[in-house]
Amino acid sequence: MAVATVTTEPLDRQLPMPFHPPLPTPPAKKRLPAGRPREWYVSHNRRLKAMRLAIALLDSGVYQPSSAGNHRIRITAERLGIHPPSDTTCRMVRALIRYGR
């Protein structure tokens, strides 16, 4: 009489925890043009930060604006090593995700 053997996958062959790809490195910084009003520089830097965060969220698998809450956006900013964004910047990030799909 043949005996059936039960085999299981060894622990080292099981799938790892969810994979998070490495975050992209920021591009080289360039000097901004001189002579513009201060509001222009503030809005320009806000847009750059929002784009950086939106790209990082899309790369990490966040494709819906509803799943990109302020907390998640701020955690992503921390992982990127940039200052925590304001509520206005978080709204801009969600708008970029919405229209970038």
C-alpha atoms as a PDB file:
ATOM      1  CA  MET A   1       0.000   0.000   0.000  1.00  0.00           C
ATOM      2  CA  ALA A   2       1.377   3.403  -1.035  1.00  0.00           C
ATOM      3  CA  VAL A   3       1.655   6.120   1.557  1.00  0.00           C
ATOM      4  CA  ALA A   4       0.791   9.669   0.582  1.00  0.00           C
ATOM      5  CA  THR A   5       3.103  12.347   1.819  1.00  0.00           C
ATOM      6  CA  VAL A   6       2.039  15.868   2.601  1.00  0.00           C
ATOM      7  CA  THR A   7       4.416  18.558   1.533  1.00  0.00           C
ATOM      8  CA  THR A   8       4.291  22.189   2.423  1.00  0.00           C
ATOM      9  CA  GLU A   9       6.276  25.113   1.140  1.00  0.00           C
ATOM     10  CA  PRO A  10       9.233  25.991   3.341  1.00  0.00           C
ATOM     11  CA  LEU A  11       8.899  29.301   5.143  1.00  0.00           C
ATOM     12  CA  ASP A  12      11.655  30.914   3.108  1.00  0.00           C
ATOM     13  CA  ARG A  13       9.704  30.334  -0.137  1.00  0.00           C
ATOM     14  CA  GLN A  14       6.493  31.994   0.989  1.00  0.00           C
ATOM     15  CA  LEU A  15       5.627  35.372  -0.432  1.00  0.00           C
ATOM     16  CA  PRO A  16       7.032  38.326   1.502  1.00  0.00           C
ATOM     17  CA  MET A  17       4.965  41.147   2.936  1.00  0.00           C
ATOM     18  CA  PRO A  18       3.553  43.653   0.402  1.00  0.00           C
ATOM     19  CA  PHE A  19       6.261  45.152  -1.765  1.00  0.00           C
ATOM     20  CA  HIS A  20       6.812  48.902  -1.618  1.00  0.00           C
ATOM     21  CA  PRO A  21       9.007  50.110  -4.484  1.00  0.00           C
ATOM     22  CA  PRO A  22      11.749  52.566  -3.606  1.00  0.00           C
ATOM     23  CA  LEU A  23      10.751  56.197  -3.853  1.00  0.00           C
ATOM     24  CA  PRO A  24      12.181  58.171  -6.772  1.00  0.00           C
ATOM     25  CA  THR A  25      15.025  60.559  -6.142  1.00  0.00           C
ATOM     26  CA  PRO A  26      14.129  64.226  -6.544  1.00  0.00           C
ATOM     27  CA  PRO A  27      15.505  66.016  -9.620  1.00  0.00           C
ATOM     28  CA  ALA A  28      18.387  68.444  -9.331  1.00  0.00           C
ATOM     29  CA  LYS A  29      17.295  71.825  -8.048  1.00  0.00           C
ATOM     30  CA  LYS A  30      17.591  74.922 -10.242  1.00  0.00           C
ATOM     31  CA  ARG A  31      17.489  78.535  -9.172  1.00  0.00           C
ATOM     32  CA  LEU A  32      14.151  80.277  -9.635  1.00  0.00           C
ATOM     33  CA  PRO A  33      13.988  83.391 -11.810  1.00  0.00           C
ATOM     34  CA  ALA A  34      14.466  86.659  -9.967  1.00  0.00           C
ATOM     35  CA  GLY A  35      12.055  89.581  -9.917  1.00  0.00           C
ATOM     36  CA  ARG A  36       8.723  87.817  -9.463  1.00  0.00           C
ATOM     37  CA  PRO A  37       6.257  88.659  -6.680  1.00  0.00           C
ATOM     38  CA  ARG A  38       6.552  86.567  -3.506  1.00  0.00           C
ATOM     39  CA  GLU A  39       3.133  84.939  -4.120  1.00  0.00           C
ATOM     40  CA  TRP A  40       4.451  83.485  -7.376  1.00  0.00           C
ATOM     41  CA  TYR A  41       7.321  81.738  -5.576  1.00  0.00           C
ATOM     42  CA  VAL A  42       5.014  80.417  -2.857  1.00  0.00           C
ATOM     43  CA  SER A  43       2.519  78.973  -5.362  1.00  0.00           C
ATOM     44  CA  HIS A  44       5.301  77.615  -7.576  1.00  0.00           C
ATOM     45  CA  ASN A  45       6.933  75.741  -4.697  1.00  0.00           C
ATOM     46  CA  ARG A  46       3.531  74.483  -3.525  1.00  0.00           C
ATOM     47  CA  ARG A  47       2.824  73.071  -7.000  1.00  0.00           C
ATOM     48  CA  LEU A  48       6.243  71.393  -7.132  1.00  0.00           C
ATOM     49  CA  LYS A  49       5.701  69.783  -3.728  1.00  0.00           C
ATOM     50  CA  ALA A  50       2.196  68.621  -4.715  1.00  0.00           C
ATOM     51  CA  MET A  51       3.537  67.078  -7.932  1.00  0.00           C
ATOM     52  CA  ARG A  52       6.343  65.306  -6.075  1.00  0.00           C
ATOM     53  CA  LEU A  53       3.880  63.879  -3.554  1.00  0.00           C
ATOM     54  CA  ALA A  54       1.327  62.865  -6.215  1.00  0.00           C
ATOM     55  CA  ILE A  55       3.994  61.002  -8.188  1.00  0.00           C
ATOM     56  CA  ALA A  56       5.229  59.209  -5.073  1.00  0.00           C
ATOM     57  CA  LEU A  57       1.670  58.201  -4.124  1.00  0.00           C
ATOM     58  CA  LEU A  58       0.916  56.956  -7.632  1.00  0.00           C
ATOM     59  CA  ASP A  59       4.164  54.965  -7.629  1.00  0.00           C
ATOM     60  CA  SER A  60       3.205  53.395  -4.302  1.00  0.00           C
ATOM     61  CA  GLY A  61      -0.201  52.285  -5.630  1.00  0.00           C
ATOM     62  CA  VAL A  62      -2.563  55.041  -4.486  1.00  0.00           C
ATOM     63  CA  TYR A  63      -4.713  55.686  -7.573  1.00  0.00           C
ATOM     64  CA  GLN A  64      -7.892  57.108  -6.021  1.00  0.00           C
ATOM     65  CA  PRO A  65      -8.068  60.561  -4.415  1.00  0.00           C
ATOM     66  CA  SER A  66     -10.392  59.125  -1.767  1.00  0.00           C
ATOM     67  CA  SER A  67      -7.597  56.839  -0.535  1.00  0.00           C
ATOM     68  CA  ALA A  68      -5.107  59.722  -0.297  1.00  0.00           C
ATOM     69  CA  GLY A  69      -6.041  61.348   2.982  1.00  0.00           C
ATOM     70  CA  ASN A  70      -4.023  64.102   4.606  1.00  0.00           C
ATOM     71  CA  HIS A  71      -2.385  61.604   6.960  1.00  0.00           C
ATOM     72  CA  ARG A  72      -1.204  59.337   4.133  1.00  0.00           C
ATOM     73  CA  ILE A  73       0.085  62.315   2.138  1.00  0.00           C
ATOM     74  CA  ARG A  74       2.005  63.599   5.156  1.00  0.00           C
ATOM     75  CA  ILE A  75       3.511  60.154   5.810  1.00  0.00           C
ATOM     76  CA  THR A  76       4.641  60.047   2.182  1.00  0.00           C
ATOM     77  CA  ALA A  77       6.193  63.500   2.590  1.00  0.00           C
ATOM     78  CA  GLU A  78       8.072  62.223   5.629  1.00  0.00           C
ATOM     79  CA  ARG A  79       9.342  59.237   3.639  1.00  0.00           C
ATOM     80  CA  LEU A  80      10.509  61.605   0.893  1.00  0.00           C
ATOM     81  CA  GLY A  81      12.249  63.806   3.427  1.00  0.00           C
ATOM     82  CA  ILE A  82      10.268  66.977   2.731  1.00  0.00           C
ATOM     83  CA  HIS A  83       8.367  69.205   5.138  1.00  0.00           C
ATOM     84  CA  PRO A  84       4.794  68.130   5.966  1.00  0.00           C
ATOM     85  CA  PRO A  85       2.373  69.689   3.460  1.00  0.00           C
ATOM     86  CA  SER A  86      -0.425  72.041   4.427  1.00  0.00           C
ATOM     87  CA  ASP A  87      -4.104  71.209   3.941  1.00  0.00           C
ATOM     88  CA  THR A  88      -4.070  73.279   0.730  1.00  0.00           C
ATOM     89  CA  THR A  89      -1.168  71.256  -0.661  1.00  0.00           C
ATOM     90  CA  CYS A  90      -2.930  68.014   0.282  1.00  0.00           C
ATOM     91  CA  ARG A  91      -5.974  69.173  -1.712  1.00  0.00           C
ATOM     92  CA  MET A  92      -3.702  69.907  -4.668  1.00  0.00           C
ATOM     93  CA  VAL A  93      -2.196  66.405  -4.420  1.00  0.00           C
ATOM     94  CA  ARG A  94      -5.665  64.837  -4.535  1.00  0.00           C
ATOM     95  CA  ALA A  95      -6.581  67.015  -7.537  1.00  0.00           C
ATOM     96  CA  LEU A  96      -3.444  65.903  -9.368  1.00  0.00           C
ATOM     97  CA  ILE A  97      -4.231  62.258  -8.645  1.00  0.00           C
ATOM     98  CA  ARG A  98      -7.814  62.755  -9.812  1.00  0.00           C
ATOM     99  CA  TYR A  99      -6.856  64.348 -13.120  1.00  0.00           C
ATOM    100  CA  GLY A 100      -3.748  62.238 -13.645  1.00  0.00           C
ATOM    101  CA  ARG A 101      -5.630  58.959 -13.989  1.00  0.00           C
END
